N, C-alpha and C. Protein backbone atom coordinates (compact mmCIF):
# COMPACT_ATOMS: atom_id res chain seq x y z
N MET A 1 -111.97 157.28 168.02
CA MET A 1 -111.22 155.95 167.52
C MET A 1 -109.96 156.39 167.45
N LYS A 2 -109.56 157.43 167.16
CA LYS A 2 -107.66 157.77 166.86
C LYS A 2 -107.34 157.79 168.25
N LYS A 3 -108.13 158.20 169.25
CA LYS A 3 -107.57 158.39 170.81
C LYS A 3 -107.30 156.87 171.10
N ILE A 4 -108.10 155.80 170.80
CA ILE A 4 -108.48 154.49 171.31
C ILE A 4 -106.99 153.98 170.69
N ILE A 5 -106.88 154.33 169.40
CA ILE A 5 -105.86 153.39 168.51
C ILE A 5 -104.42 154.39 169.16
N PHE A 6 -104.64 155.63 169.53
CA PHE A 6 -103.08 155.93 169.96
C PHE A 6 -102.86 155.20 171.49
N ALA A 7 -104.07 154.98 172.26
CA ALA A 7 -103.88 154.75 173.83
C ALA A 7 -103.27 153.26 173.81
N ILE A 8 -103.55 152.47 172.79
CA ILE A 8 -103.43 150.87 172.62
C ILE A 8 -101.85 151.12 172.09
N PHE A 9 -101.59 151.60 171.27
CA PHE A 9 -100.20 151.81 170.51
C PHE A 9 -99.39 152.36 171.76
N ILE A 10 -99.62 153.32 172.68
CA ILE A 10 -98.95 153.57 173.82
C ILE A 10 -98.76 152.33 174.69
N ALA A 11 -99.56 151.66 175.00
CA ALA A 11 -99.80 150.82 176.02
C ALA A 11 -98.78 149.58 175.77
N ALA A 12 -99.11 149.21 174.33
CA ALA A 12 -97.86 148.37 173.44
C ALA A 12 -96.67 148.74 173.47
N SER A 13 -96.46 149.98 173.34
CA SER A 13 -95.37 150.21 173.41
C SER A 13 -94.62 150.28 174.81
N MET A 14 -95.08 150.51 175.63
CA MET A 14 -94.73 150.48 177.11
C MET A 14 -94.58 149.05 177.60
N MET A 15 -95.24 147.84 177.04
CA MET A 15 -95.02 146.81 177.43
C MET A 15 -93.82 146.22 176.66
N ALA A 16 -93.63 146.55 175.59
CA ALA A 16 -92.30 146.23 174.62
C ALA A 16 -91.49 146.70 175.39
N GLN A 17 -91.25 147.74 175.70
CA GLN A 17 -90.41 148.42 176.50
C GLN A 17 -89.62 147.75 177.87
N ASN A 18 -91.20 147.46 178.65
CA ASN A 18 -90.69 146.83 179.72
C ASN A 18 -89.92 145.54 179.34
N SER A 19 -90.54 144.72 178.31
CA SER A 19 -90.23 143.27 178.20
C SER A 19 -88.79 143.45 177.80
N LEU A 20 -88.19 144.57 176.84
CA LEU A 20 -87.06 144.66 176.38
C LEU A 20 -86.02 145.16 177.46
N ALA A 21 -86.54 145.85 178.47
CA ALA A 21 -85.70 146.11 180.25
C ALA A 21 -85.56 144.55 180.83
N GLN A 22 -86.41 144.09 180.77
CA GLN A 22 -86.34 142.92 181.39
C GLN A 22 -85.18 141.88 180.79
N THR A 23 -85.58 141.99 179.20
CA THR A 23 -84.38 140.75 178.74
C THR A 23 -83.17 141.54 179.14
N ASN A 24 -83.07 142.97 178.82
CA ASN A 24 -81.59 143.21 179.15
C ASN A 24 -81.15 143.07 180.41
N ALA A 25 -81.84 143.49 181.55
CA ALA A 25 -81.87 143.04 182.91
C ALA A 25 -81.14 141.49 183.10
N ASP A 26 -82.03 140.63 182.49
CA ASP A 26 -81.56 139.01 182.65
C ASP A 26 -80.07 138.82 182.01
N SER A 27 -80.19 139.88 180.78
CA SER A 27 -78.93 139.66 180.09
C SER A 27 -77.56 139.65 180.72
N LEU A 28 -77.57 141.01 181.66
CA LEU A 28 -76.89 141.32 182.31
C LEU A 28 -76.35 140.59 183.61
N LEU A 29 -77.31 139.74 184.14
CA LEU A 29 -77.37 139.05 185.28
C LEU A 29 -76.69 137.34 184.65
N ASN A 30 -77.15 136.92 183.33
CA ASN A 30 -76.60 136.01 182.84
C ASN A 30 -75.24 136.24 182.35
N ASN A 31 -74.75 137.40 182.24
CA ASN A 31 -73.03 137.51 181.75
C ASN A 31 -72.40 137.63 182.88
N VAL A 32 -73.01 137.60 184.37
CA VAL A 32 -72.42 137.19 185.40
C VAL A 32 -72.12 135.86 185.49
N PHE A 33 -73.35 134.84 185.16
CA PHE A 33 -73.34 133.22 185.24
C PHE A 33 -72.39 132.98 184.49
N THR A 34 -72.37 133.48 183.05
CA THR A 34 -71.31 133.16 182.27
C THR A 34 -69.81 133.09 182.69
N SER A 35 -69.56 134.24 183.34
CA SER A 35 -68.17 134.44 183.89
C SER A 35 -67.88 133.35 184.78
N TYR A 36 -69.13 132.90 185.63
CA TYR A 36 -68.86 131.99 186.67
C TYR A 36 -68.52 130.59 186.20
N ILE A 37 -69.34 130.36 184.88
CA ILE A 37 -69.33 129.10 184.01
C ILE A 37 -67.77 128.69 183.30
N ASN A 38 -67.30 130.22 183.03
CA ASN A 38 -66.09 130.20 182.72
C ASN A 38 -65.16 129.88 183.39
N LEU A 39 -65.14 130.50 184.66
CA LEU A 39 -64.06 130.01 185.78
C LEU A 39 -64.18 128.72 186.30
N LYS A 40 -65.45 128.24 186.51
CA LYS A 40 -65.58 126.54 186.89
C LYS A 40 -64.89 125.96 185.78
N ASN A 41 -65.16 125.93 184.29
CA ASN A 41 -64.48 125.09 183.43
C ASN A 41 -62.84 125.36 183.65
N SER A 42 -62.51 126.40 183.67
CA SER A 42 -61.01 126.41 184.47
C SER A 42 -60.36 125.85 185.14
N LEU A 43 -61.34 126.03 186.70
CA LEU A 43 -60.63 125.15 187.55
C LEU A 43 -60.66 123.51 187.28
N ALA A 44 -61.70 123.25 186.32
CA ALA A 44 -61.72 121.96 186.16
C ALA A 44 -60.29 121.45 185.20
N THR A 45 -60.01 122.02 184.28
CA THR A 45 -59.15 121.81 183.35
C THR A 45 -57.57 122.43 183.28
N LYS A 46 -57.78 123.70 184.16
CA LYS A 46 -56.28 124.68 183.44
C LYS A 46 -55.87 124.82 185.14
N ASP A 47 -54.77 125.74 184.81
CA ASP A 47 -53.64 126.51 185.76
C ASP A 47 -54.37 127.36 186.62
N GLY A 48 -53.86 127.85 187.57
CA GLY A 48 -54.18 128.85 188.39
C GLY A 48 -54.07 130.33 187.75
N SER A 49 -53.22 130.26 186.88
CA SER A 49 -53.38 131.52 186.35
C SER A 49 -54.12 132.17 185.31
N THR A 50 -54.48 131.00 184.82
CA THR A 50 -55.85 131.20 183.73
C THR A 50 -57.21 131.31 184.79
N SER A 51 -57.44 130.44 185.87
CA SER A 51 -58.67 130.76 186.52
C SER A 51 -58.35 132.27 187.24
N LYS A 52 -57.43 132.99 187.79
CA LYS A 52 -57.24 133.80 187.87
C LYS A 52 -57.90 134.94 187.03
N ASP A 53 -57.02 134.98 186.03
CA ASP A 53 -57.67 135.66 184.78
C ASP A 53 -59.11 136.00 184.70
N LEU A 54 -59.75 134.85 185.00
CA LEU A 54 -61.14 134.38 184.37
C LEU A 54 -61.78 135.22 185.83
N ALA A 55 -61.40 134.88 186.85
CA ALA A 55 -62.03 135.33 188.13
C ALA A 55 -61.85 136.95 188.22
N SER A 56 -60.89 137.59 187.51
CA SER A 56 -60.97 138.93 187.68
C SER A 56 -62.16 139.51 186.92
N ILE A 57 -62.43 138.86 185.49
CA ILE A 57 -63.22 139.27 184.69
C ILE A 57 -64.76 138.61 185.28
N LEU A 58 -65.01 137.73 186.08
CA LEU A 58 -65.93 137.70 186.85
C LEU A 58 -66.08 138.89 187.92
N PHE A 59 -64.89 139.26 188.31
CA PHE A 59 -65.16 140.40 189.62
C PHE A 59 -65.55 141.72 188.82
N LYS A 60 -65.21 141.75 187.84
CA LYS A 60 -65.48 143.14 186.95
C LYS A 60 -66.73 143.25 186.29
N THR A 61 -67.51 141.98 186.31
CA THR A 61 -68.44 141.89 185.49
C THR A 61 -69.91 141.80 186.75
N ILE A 62 -69.41 141.76 188.10
CA ILE A 62 -70.31 141.74 189.24
C ILE A 62 -70.34 143.14 189.68
N ASP A 63 -68.86 143.58 189.70
CA ASP A 63 -68.89 145.08 189.94
C ASP A 63 -69.84 145.98 189.03
N LYS A 64 -69.50 145.92 187.72
CA LYS A 64 -70.13 146.77 186.77
C LYS A 64 -71.50 146.65 186.55
N LEU A 65 -72.22 145.64 187.04
CA LEU A 65 -73.84 145.23 186.68
C LEU A 65 -74.48 146.86 187.29
N PRO A 66 -75.23 147.29 186.49
CA PRO A 66 -76.07 148.30 186.82
C PRO A 66 -77.32 147.51 187.65
N ALA A 67 -77.06 147.45 188.81
CA ALA A 67 -78.35 146.96 189.75
C ALA A 67 -79.48 147.75 189.53
N ASP A 68 -79.53 149.21 189.27
CA ASP A 68 -80.69 149.86 188.95
C ASP A 68 -81.46 149.60 187.62
N LYS A 69 -80.63 148.97 186.83
CA LYS A 69 -81.38 148.39 185.69
C LYS A 69 -82.34 147.08 186.07
N LEU A 70 -82.36 146.64 186.92
CA LEU A 70 -83.04 145.24 187.00
C LEU A 70 -84.27 145.75 187.93
N SER A 71 -85.46 144.73 187.85
CA SER A 71 -86.62 145.16 188.52
C SER A 71 -86.53 144.82 190.07
N ALA A 72 -87.38 145.33 190.41
CA ALA A 72 -87.16 145.69 192.12
C ALA A 72 -87.04 144.32 192.80
N ASP A 73 -87.83 142.98 192.43
CA ASP A 73 -87.43 141.76 193.15
C ASP A 73 -85.94 141.21 192.65
N LYS A 74 -85.75 141.57 191.61
CA LYS A 74 -84.45 141.13 191.22
C LYS A 74 -83.25 141.76 191.55
N ASN A 75 -83.49 143.27 191.80
CA ASN A 75 -82.60 143.96 192.29
C ASN A 75 -82.04 143.34 193.94
N LYS A 76 -83.31 142.93 194.39
CA LYS A 76 -83.35 142.85 196.19
C LYS A 76 -82.02 141.37 195.91
N THR A 77 -82.59 140.36 194.87
CA THR A 77 -81.63 139.21 195.24
C THR A 77 -80.72 139.71 194.94
N TRP A 78 -80.17 140.36 193.84
CA TRP A 78 -79.21 140.61 193.40
C TRP A 78 -78.23 141.29 194.74
N MET A 79 -78.99 142.29 195.45
CA MET A 79 -78.32 143.11 196.21
C MET A 79 -77.97 142.07 197.25
N GLU A 80 -78.50 140.93 197.63
CA GLU A 80 -78.39 140.08 198.80
C GLU A 80 -76.97 139.43 198.66
N TYR A 81 -76.63 139.04 197.05
CA TYR A 81 -75.94 137.92 196.56
C TYR A 81 -74.43 138.70 196.36
N ALA A 82 -74.77 140.05 195.75
CA ALA A 82 -73.52 140.50 194.77
C ALA A 82 -72.34 140.95 195.75
N GLN A 83 -72.34 141.20 197.12
CA GLN A 83 -70.98 141.31 198.04
C GLN A 83 -70.37 139.94 198.37
N LYS A 84 -71.70 138.77 198.26
CA LYS A 84 -70.77 137.64 198.72
C LYS A 84 -70.09 137.13 197.34
N LEU A 85 -70.76 137.17 196.37
CA LEU A 85 -70.05 136.79 194.88
C LEU A 85 -68.98 137.76 194.50
N SER A 86 -68.93 138.82 194.90
CA SER A 86 -67.70 139.94 194.47
C SER A 86 -66.57 139.28 195.74
N TYR A 87 -66.82 139.09 197.05
CA TYR A 87 -65.61 138.70 197.63
C TYR A 87 -65.03 137.68 197.51
N ASP A 88 -65.69 136.45 197.03
CA ASP A 88 -65.12 135.24 196.79
C ASP A 88 -64.26 135.13 195.24
N ALA A 89 -65.01 136.20 194.22
CA ALA A 89 -64.15 136.31 193.13
C ALA A 89 -62.99 137.37 193.15
N GLU A 90 -63.02 138.10 194.54
CA GLU A 90 -61.77 138.82 194.51
C GLU A 90 -60.65 138.01 194.99
N HIS A 91 -61.40 137.07 195.84
CA HIS A 91 -60.07 136.37 196.49
C HIS A 91 -59.15 135.25 195.42
N ILE A 92 -60.25 134.68 194.68
CA ILE A 92 -59.95 134.16 193.48
C ILE A 92 -58.64 134.56 192.46
N LYS A 93 -59.06 136.09 192.15
CA LYS A 93 -58.51 136.80 191.45
C LYS A 93 -57.12 137.00 191.81
N GLY A 94 -57.05 137.12 192.92
CA GLY A 94 -56.02 137.61 194.08
C GLY A 94 -54.71 136.37 194.07
N THR A 95 -54.92 135.54 193.28
CA THR A 95 -53.53 134.21 193.57
C THR A 95 -53.83 133.55 192.41
N ASP A 96 -52.21 132.71 192.23
CA ASP A 96 -52.52 131.86 191.39
C ASP A 96 -52.35 130.55 191.90
N ASP A 97 -52.85 130.30 193.05
CA ASP A 97 -52.77 129.05 193.69
C ASP A 97 -54.21 128.60 193.69
N ILE A 98 -53.87 127.45 192.96
CA ILE A 98 -55.29 126.80 192.50
C ILE A 98 -56.18 126.17 193.65
N GLU A 99 -55.56 125.48 194.62
CA GLU A 99 -56.10 125.21 196.01
C GLU A 99 -56.90 126.63 196.69
N HIS A 100 -56.15 127.63 196.58
CA HIS A 100 -56.70 128.69 197.73
C HIS A 100 -57.99 129.32 196.76
N GLN A 101 -57.71 129.03 195.13
CA GLN A 101 -59.15 129.38 194.24
C GLN A 101 -60.15 128.88 194.53
N ARG A 102 -59.77 127.11 194.66
CA ARG A 102 -61.05 126.44 195.07
C ARG A 102 -61.65 126.44 196.41
N GLU A 103 -60.96 126.64 197.52
CA GLU A 103 -61.36 127.08 198.77
C GLU A 103 -62.54 128.20 198.44
N HIS A 104 -62.31 129.31 197.80
CA HIS A 104 -63.03 130.33 197.65
C HIS A 104 -64.14 129.92 196.44
N PHE A 105 -63.85 128.85 195.55
CA PHE A 105 -65.09 128.75 194.63
C PHE A 105 -66.02 127.78 195.36
N VAL A 106 -65.79 127.20 196.45
CA VAL A 106 -66.76 126.51 197.45
C VAL A 106 -67.91 127.24 197.38
N ASN A 107 -67.76 128.82 198.18
CA ASN A 107 -68.77 129.62 198.74
C ASN A 107 -69.38 130.40 197.52
N LEU A 108 -68.36 130.48 196.31
CA LEU A 108 -68.84 131.38 195.34
C LEU A 108 -69.86 130.50 194.87
N SER A 109 -69.83 128.94 194.45
CA SER A 109 -71.13 128.08 193.55
C SER A 109 -71.93 128.33 194.88
N ALA A 110 -72.06 128.06 195.86
CA ALA A 110 -73.09 128.03 196.83
C ALA A 110 -74.10 129.12 196.92
N ASN A 111 -73.38 130.28 196.41
CA ASN A 111 -74.23 131.59 196.67
C ASN A 111 -74.64 131.75 195.14
N MET A 112 -73.96 131.65 194.35
CA MET A 112 -74.33 131.56 192.82
C MET A 112 -75.76 130.64 192.59
N TYR A 113 -75.66 129.45 193.33
CA TYR A 113 -76.78 128.52 193.09
C TYR A 113 -78.06 129.42 193.73
N LYS A 114 -77.82 129.57 194.80
CA LYS A 114 -79.04 130.12 195.75
C LYS A 114 -79.41 131.52 194.92
N MET A 115 -78.73 132.15 194.17
CA MET A 115 -79.03 133.56 193.66
C MET A 115 -79.86 132.92 192.51
N MET A 116 -79.36 132.00 191.81
CA MET A 116 -79.78 131.63 190.25
C MET A 116 -81.15 130.87 190.13
N LYS A 117 -81.18 129.93 191.65
CA LYS A 117 -82.62 129.60 192.14
C LYS A 117 -83.78 130.35 192.20
N VAL A 118 -83.46 131.66 192.77
CA VAL A 118 -84.46 132.62 192.73
C VAL A 118 -84.95 133.31 191.97
N LEU A 119 -83.66 133.76 190.99
CA LEU A 119 -83.69 134.52 189.83
C LEU A 119 -84.38 133.71 188.67
N LYS A 120 -84.22 132.46 188.23
CA LYS A 120 -84.79 132.05 187.39
C LYS A 120 -84.69 132.61 185.82
N ILE A 121 -83.20 132.79 185.60
CA ILE A 121 -83.13 133.63 184.61
C ILE A 121 -82.30 132.68 183.48
N ASN A 122 -82.14 131.33 183.76
CA ASN A 122 -81.46 130.59 182.74
C ASN A 122 -82.24 130.19 181.63
N THR A 123 -81.55 130.20 180.74
CA THR A 123 -82.14 129.98 179.08
C THR A 123 -81.97 128.62 178.66
N ALA A 124 -81.00 127.90 179.71
CA ALA A 124 -80.59 126.57 179.31
C ALA A 124 -80.71 125.93 180.82
N ASP A 125 -80.93 124.25 180.94
CA ASP A 125 -81.15 123.52 182.02
C ASP A 125 -79.50 123.61 182.89
N LEU A 126 -79.51 123.85 183.84
CA LEU A 126 -78.09 123.96 185.03
C LEU A 126 -78.16 122.72 185.98
N TYR A 127 -77.20 122.21 186.06
CA TYR A 127 -76.91 121.28 186.94
C TYR A 127 -75.91 121.42 188.32
N TYR A 128 -76.85 121.34 189.34
CA TYR A 128 -76.04 121.63 190.63
C TYR A 128 -75.45 120.34 190.97
N GLN A 129 -73.94 120.17 190.82
CA GLN A 129 -73.41 119.01 191.08
C GLN A 129 -72.50 118.75 192.24
N PHE A 130 -72.50 117.59 192.99
CA PHE A 130 -71.69 117.57 194.06
C PHE A 130 -70.20 116.77 194.15
N CYS A 131 -69.50 117.26 194.74
CA CYS A 131 -68.36 116.17 195.03
C CYS A 131 -67.95 115.79 196.27
N PRO A 132 -68.34 114.42 196.86
CA PRO A 132 -68.01 114.37 198.35
C PRO A 132 -66.63 114.35 198.87
N MET A 133 -65.89 114.36 197.87
CA MET A 133 -64.10 114.21 198.58
C MET A 133 -63.69 115.60 198.50
N ALA A 134 -64.27 116.63 197.94
CA ALA A 134 -63.72 118.06 197.91
C ALA A 134 -64.08 118.72 199.44
N ASN A 135 -63.09 120.04 199.47
CA ASN A 135 -63.55 120.72 200.68
C ASN A 135 -62.96 119.73 201.86
N ASP A 136 -61.92 119.27 201.81
CA ASP A 136 -61.12 118.35 202.95
C ASP A 136 -62.04 117.19 203.32
N GLY A 137 -62.78 116.70 202.61
CA GLY A 137 -63.77 115.48 202.96
C GLY A 137 -65.31 116.00 203.17
N LYS A 138 -65.40 117.28 203.36
CA LYS A 138 -66.98 118.04 203.65
C LYS A 138 -67.51 117.53 202.45
N GLY A 139 -67.14 117.90 201.30
CA GLY A 139 -67.90 117.81 200.04
C GLY A 139 -68.05 119.38 199.61
N ALA A 140 -68.35 119.45 198.40
CA ALA A 140 -68.75 120.97 197.69
C ALA A 140 -69.05 120.85 196.39
N TYR A 141 -70.14 121.91 196.13
CA TYR A 141 -71.12 122.13 195.11
C TYR A 141 -70.40 122.69 193.91
N TRP A 142 -71.21 122.85 192.82
CA TRP A 142 -70.85 123.42 191.87
C TRP A 142 -72.02 123.79 190.93
N ILE A 143 -72.17 124.37 189.94
CA ILE A 143 -73.16 124.73 188.97
C ILE A 143 -72.59 124.46 187.73
N SER A 144 -73.37 123.45 187.05
CA SER A 144 -72.61 123.23 185.29
C SER A 144 -73.76 123.39 184.48
N GLU A 145 -73.24 123.76 183.30
CA GLU A 145 -74.17 123.79 181.98
C GLU A 145 -74.39 122.64 181.23
N LYS A 146 -73.60 121.71 181.98
CA LYS A 146 -73.75 120.27 181.12
C LYS A 146 -74.03 119.29 182.23
N SER A 147 -74.76 118.22 181.60
CA SER A 147 -75.19 117.27 182.97
C SER A 147 -73.64 116.16 183.16
N THR A 148 -72.89 116.25 182.22
CA THR A 148 -71.50 115.07 182.83
C THR A 148 -70.99 115.74 183.45
N ILE A 149 -70.28 115.32 184.65
CA ILE A 149 -69.21 115.81 185.31
C ILE A 149 -67.88 116.22 185.24
N SER A 150 -67.51 117.41 185.39
CA SER A 150 -66.20 118.02 185.10
C SER A 150 -65.93 118.79 186.19
N ASN A 151 -65.32 118.20 187.47
CA ASN A 151 -65.02 118.47 188.60
C ASN A 151 -64.23 119.91 188.93
N PRO A 152 -64.56 120.88 189.36
CA PRO A 152 -63.40 122.00 189.47
C PRO A 152 -62.62 121.78 190.88
N TYR A 153 -63.16 121.10 191.30
CA TYR A 153 -62.22 120.66 192.55
C TYR A 153 -60.88 119.86 192.62
N PHE A 154 -61.10 119.10 191.54
CA PHE A 154 -59.97 117.90 191.55
C PHE A 154 -59.19 118.16 190.01
N GLY A 155 -60.04 119.11 189.38
CA GLY A 155 -59.25 119.09 187.88
C GLY A 155 -59.21 117.68 187.25
N LYS A 156 -57.64 117.56 186.77
CA LYS A 156 -57.43 116.23 186.03
C LYS A 156 -57.21 115.27 187.16
N LYS A 157 -57.26 115.34 188.45
CA LYS A 157 -56.68 114.37 189.10
C LYS A 157 -57.76 113.46 189.47
N MET A 158 -58.90 113.90 189.48
CA MET A 158 -60.50 113.13 189.18
C MET A 158 -61.36 113.60 188.73
N PRO A 159 -61.41 114.14 187.46
CA PRO A 159 -62.10 114.89 186.68
C PRO A 159 -63.49 114.57 186.75
N THR A 160 -64.39 113.25 187.00
CA THR A 160 -65.54 112.64 186.80
C THR A 160 -66.02 112.42 188.45
N CYS A 161 -65.38 112.88 189.27
CA CYS A 161 -65.94 112.62 190.66
C CYS A 161 -66.91 113.79 190.73
N GLY A 162 -67.86 112.90 191.37
CA GLY A 162 -69.38 113.88 191.62
C GLY A 162 -70.48 113.41 191.00
N SER A 163 -71.76 113.99 191.32
CA SER A 163 -73.11 113.58 190.93
C SER A 163 -73.93 114.95 190.97
N THR A 164 -74.93 114.64 189.99
CA THR A 164 -75.87 115.94 189.87
C THR A 164 -76.96 115.92 190.94
N LYS A 165 -77.24 116.76 191.98
CA LYS A 165 -78.02 116.68 193.19
C LYS A 165 -79.41 117.52 192.54
N ASP A 166 -79.11 118.44 191.63
CA ASP A 166 -80.33 119.22 191.19
C ASP A 166 -80.50 119.58 190.14
N THR A 167 -81.42 119.92 189.14
CA THR A 167 -81.51 120.46 187.79
C THR A 167 -82.39 121.74 188.11
N LEU A 168 -81.63 122.96 187.58
CA LEU A 168 -82.49 124.19 187.41
C LEU A 168 -83.03 124.15 186.01
N LYS A 169 -84.27 124.07 185.98
CA LYS A 169 -85.03 124.09 184.30
C LYS A 169 -84.73 125.51 183.78
N ALA A 170 -84.86 125.54 182.56
CA ALA A 170 -84.79 126.84 181.82
C ALA A 170 -86.12 127.19 181.94
N LYS A 171 -85.97 128.43 181.63
CA LYS A 171 -87.32 129.37 181.99
C LYS A 171 -87.95 129.26 180.82
């Protein structure tokens, strides 16, 4: 009987450890996404200098994420997008020119959306929004934590230009 109880205790401990490890991995990935949201909000309301600083934080968060702590499927997805996210974050952090930052934010947002859609780690609903006038009239997307439009491509000039195209439901 003691052996059975001990085996159940060990199995329960291992399940708790796996669950905690998964929660920690999700938390690490959510740190990347939170840094993205901070950058998006800055591009919508502030100057290039603030966005540059927030992109630097995003870049470091991407760079420091310990991929070996992720489950195999999340690691695979992370490895597919990490370099792309890092590339655009690096370009945004390298300039105070908000228009250049916004150019790189187009690809950063597209890759972040693809990654978040696969990972399904968001704890709140997320909104994939689109401005048809951004990106020299080609249109551009971004992810928002709120359903109301706060356009990162036109900032104070046209803060509400855009619409929600998809909702990533909370896990």
